[in-house]
Protein backbone atom coordinates (compact mmCIF):
# COMPACT_ATOMS: atom_id res chain seq x y z
CA MET A 1 100.13 95.62 121.84
CA LYS A 2 103.46 97.15 120.92
CA ASN A 3 104.65 93.84 119.42
CA LEU A 4 101.56 93.55 117.26
CA PHE A 5 101.96 97.18 116.21
CA PHE A 6 105.60 96.57 115.32
CA TYR A 7 104.72 93.42 113.40
CA LYS A 8 101.80 95.04 111.61
CA HIS A 9 103.74 98.04 110.37
CA SER A 10 107.19 96.55 109.90
CA MET A 11 106.71 93.06 108.58
CA GLN A 12 103.22 93.03 107.14
CA LYS A 13 102.56 90.93 104.10
CA THR A 14 99.43 91.20 101.99
CA VAL A 15 98.24 88.04 100.29
CA PHE A 16 96.40 88.39 96.97
CA VAL A 17 94.37 85.60 95.41
CA TYR A 18 92.77 86.00 91.97
CA ARG A 19 90.12 83.92 90.29
CA ALA A 20 89.37 84.73 86.68
CA THR A 21 86.38 83.41 84.78
CA SER A 22 85.28 84.34 81.30
CA LYS A 23 82.96 87.07 82.68
CA HIS A 24 84.58 88.43 85.83
CA LEU A 25 87.70 88.76 87.94
CA GLU A 26 87.48 88.03 91.66
CA VAL A 27 90.20 89.54 93.86
CA CYS A 28 90.66 88.51 97.49
CA ARG A 29 93.29 90.06 99.75
CA TRP A 30 94.19 89.89 103.41
CA GLN A 31 97.03 90.60 105.82
CA ASP A 32 99.06 87.49 106.50
CA ILE A 33 99.54 87.71 110.25
CA PRO A 34 100.53 84.42 111.91
CA ASP A 35 98.02 83.00 114.36
CA MET A 36 100.85 82.92 116.91
CA VAL A 37 100.49 86.69 117.36
CA PHE A 38 96.87 86.31 118.42
CA ILE A 39 97.65 83.31 120.64
CA PHE A 40 100.26 85.47 122.39
CA LEU A 41 97.61 88.14 122.98
CA ARG A 42 95.45 85.54 124.72
CA VAL A 43 98.29 84.07 126.84
CA PHE A 44 100.04 87.34 127.80
CA PRO A 45 97.47 88.36 130.47
CA PHE A 46 97.99 85.08 132.35
CA VAL A 47 101.74 85.71 132.40
CA MET A 48 101.05 89.18 133.82
CA ILE A 49 98.76 87.73 136.51
CA GLY A 50 101.52 85.26 137.44
CA ILE A 51 103.97 88.13 137.84
CA VAL A 52 101.53 90.06 140.02
CA LEU A 53 100.95 86.98 142.22
CA MET A 54 104.71 86.46 142.63
CA LEU A 55 105.10 90.11 143.60
CA LEU A 56 102.19 89.81 146.04
CA ILE A 57 104.00 86.99 147.81
CA SER A 58 107.34 88.80 147.97
CA ASN A 59 106.23 92.42 148.44
CA PRO A 60 102.57 93.51 148.57
CA ALA A 61 103.44 97.14 147.76
CA LEU A 62 105.09 96.09 144.49
CA SER A 63 102.09 93.94 143.55
CA ILE A 64 99.80 96.96 143.85
CA ALA A 65 102.14 98.98 141.62
CA ALA A 66 102.33 96.12 139.12
CA LEU A 67 98.55 95.77 139.16
CA ALA A 68 98.17 99.46 138.40
CA GLY A 69 100.72 99.34 135.55
CA PRO A 70 101.78 96.30 133.52
CA ALA A 71 99.08 93.99 134.81
CA LEU A 72 96.43 96.49 133.80
CA VAL A 73 97.92 96.49 130.30
CA GLY A 74 97.77 92.68 130.31
CA ILE A 75 94.13 92.73 131.34
CA GLY A 76 93.44 95.23 128.55
CA LEU A 77 95.14 92.94 126.04
CA ALA A 78 93.05 90.03 127.29
CA SER A 79 89.84 91.93 126.73
CA VAL A 80 90.83 93.07 123.24
CA GLY A 81 93.16 90.36 121.94
CA GLY A 82 91.01 87.49 123.14
CA ASP A 83 88.10 88.60 120.97
CA SER A 84 87.85 86.70 117.67
CA SER A 85 86.68 89.81 115.84
CA TYR A 86 90.01 91.46 116.73
CA GLN A 87 91.86 88.90 114.61
CA THR A 88 89.33 89.34 111.81
CA TYR A 89 89.81 93.12 111.94
CA TRP A 90 93.62 92.97 111.71
CA GLN A 91 93.65 90.37 108.95
CA ASP A 92 91.47 92.75 106.90
CA PHE A 93 89.92 90.25 104.47
CA GLN A 94 88.48 91.93 101.38
CA GLN A 95 86.80 90.44 98.34
CA ASP A 96 85.89 92.31 95.16
CA ASP A 97 84.38 91.25 91.84
CA TYR A 98 85.04 93.08 88.58
CA LEU A 99 83.56 92.46 85.14
CA TRP A 100 86.06 92.08 82.30
CA SER A 101 83.67 94.00 80.05
CA GLU A 102 84.04 97.11 82.24
CA VAL A 103 87.85 97.37 81.94
CA LEU A 104 88.74 100.77 80.42
CA GLU A 105 92.50 100.30 80.04
CA ALA A 106 95.28 97.96 81.07
CA MET A 107 98.94 98.59 81.83
CA LEU A 108 101.76 96.08 82.20
CA ASP A 109 104.59 96.90 84.60
CA ALA A 110 106.86 93.92 83.90
CA GLU A 111 109.61 95.25 86.17
CA GLN A 112 107.38 95.12 89.25
CA GLY A 113 105.42 92.04 88.13
CA LEU A 114 102.14 93.91 87.90
CA ILE A 115 99.17 94.47 85.60
CA VAL A 116 97.00 97.48 86.41
CA LEU A 117 93.41 97.35 85.16
CA THR A 118 91.46 100.62 85.18
CA LEU A 119 87.71 100.30 85.78
CA PRO A 120 84.92 102.87 86.13
CA TYR A 121 84.08 103.97 89.66
CA GLU A 122 81.20 105.94 91.07
CA LEU A 123 82.00 107.79 94.27
CA PRO A 124 79.29 107.29 96.92
CA ALA A 125 77.17 110.41 97.45
CA GLU A 126 78.15 110.81 101.13
CA TYR A 127 81.84 110.99 100.13
CA ALA A 128 81.26 113.12 97.02
CA ALA A 129 79.62 115.79 99.18
CA GLN A 130 82.80 116.08 101.29
CA ILE A 131 85.28 116.42 98.39
CA LYS A 132 85.99 119.56 96.36
CA ASN A 133 86.39 117.83 92.98
CA PRO A 134 84.46 114.54 93.02
CA GLU A 135 84.71 114.41 89.20
CA GLN A 136 88.34 113.33 89.49
CA PHE A 137 87.28 110.05 91.14
CA THR A 138 85.70 108.36 88.12
CA SER A 139 87.96 105.31 87.89
CA GLN A 140 89.70 102.81 90.12
CA ASP A 141 92.74 100.64 89.59
CA VAL A 142 92.86 96.91 90.20
CA ARG A 143 96.37 95.56 90.58
CA LEU A 144 97.19 92.01 89.53
CA TYR A 145 100.55 91.02 91.01
CA PHE A 146 102.49 88.04 89.69
CA ARG A 147 105.86 86.36 90.08
CA LYS A 148 108.32 86.42 87.17
CA ASP A 149 107.72 82.72 86.49
CA GLN A 150 103.97 83.45 86.12
CA GLU A 151 104.37 86.45 83.82
CA ALA A 152 103.66 84.79 80.46
CA GLU A 153 100.63 82.90 81.81
CA VAL A 154 99.06 85.95 83.47
CA ILE A 155 99.62 88.20 80.45
CA ALA A 156 98.07 85.56 78.15
CA MET A 157 95.07 85.23 80.48
CA VAL A 158 94.48 89.01 80.60
CA ARG A 159 94.84 89.36 76.81
CA ASP A 160 92.42 86.48 76.34
CA ARG A 161 89.81 88.05 78.68
CA ILE A 162 90.04 91.60 77.25
CA PRO A 163 91.19 91.25 73.62
CA HIS A 164 89.67 94.64 72.70
CA ILE A 165 92.02 96.51 75.10
CA GLU A 166 95.74 96.88 74.47
CA LEU A 167 98.05 95.93 77.32
CA THR A 168 100.34 98.99 77.29
CA PRO A 169 103.76 98.81 78.93
CA GLY A 170 104.36 101.35 81.70
CA ARG A 171 105.55 101.94 85.23
CA GLN A 172 103.19 101.98 88.21
CA ILE A 173 103.73 104.98 90.46
CA TYR A 174 102.50 104.62 94.02
CA GLU A 175 101.07 107.81 95.49
CA PHE A 176 100.57 108.19 99.20
């Protein structure tokens, strides 16, 4: 579990895929975690059982201690990591559709290879009731990332889809 935690928070990579039609923009994103991580989570418990069996042969007292400690962790990983929904959860696939006609403003951050589209957003009632100023949550940003070699093509596509909105240059500030 520690290895997956380390991988998830240290080397995570989010994959974005965009599909633009004349009417809407579809954005798909997920965490790119190699399948090898999840295979390891399925194999690790068997390695732990092998260690416990070797300890049982050499020293039964050590095998009981191993069974209470590391082997128990291995069994826990088997029950969690072997589940296919665990992989689905960590890969965090999301898909959203946005209408081009709803775009309120657009900003180009050429330095970061990013176009930020601002769209209207209505906060769900159950969340609005828990927030002091729900009026401040009236819009959402959709980020379109691109490589430098794709810049001209992506900018032309966005200008073609929303000709009535100016693509203003700016700098995206990430708030945590």
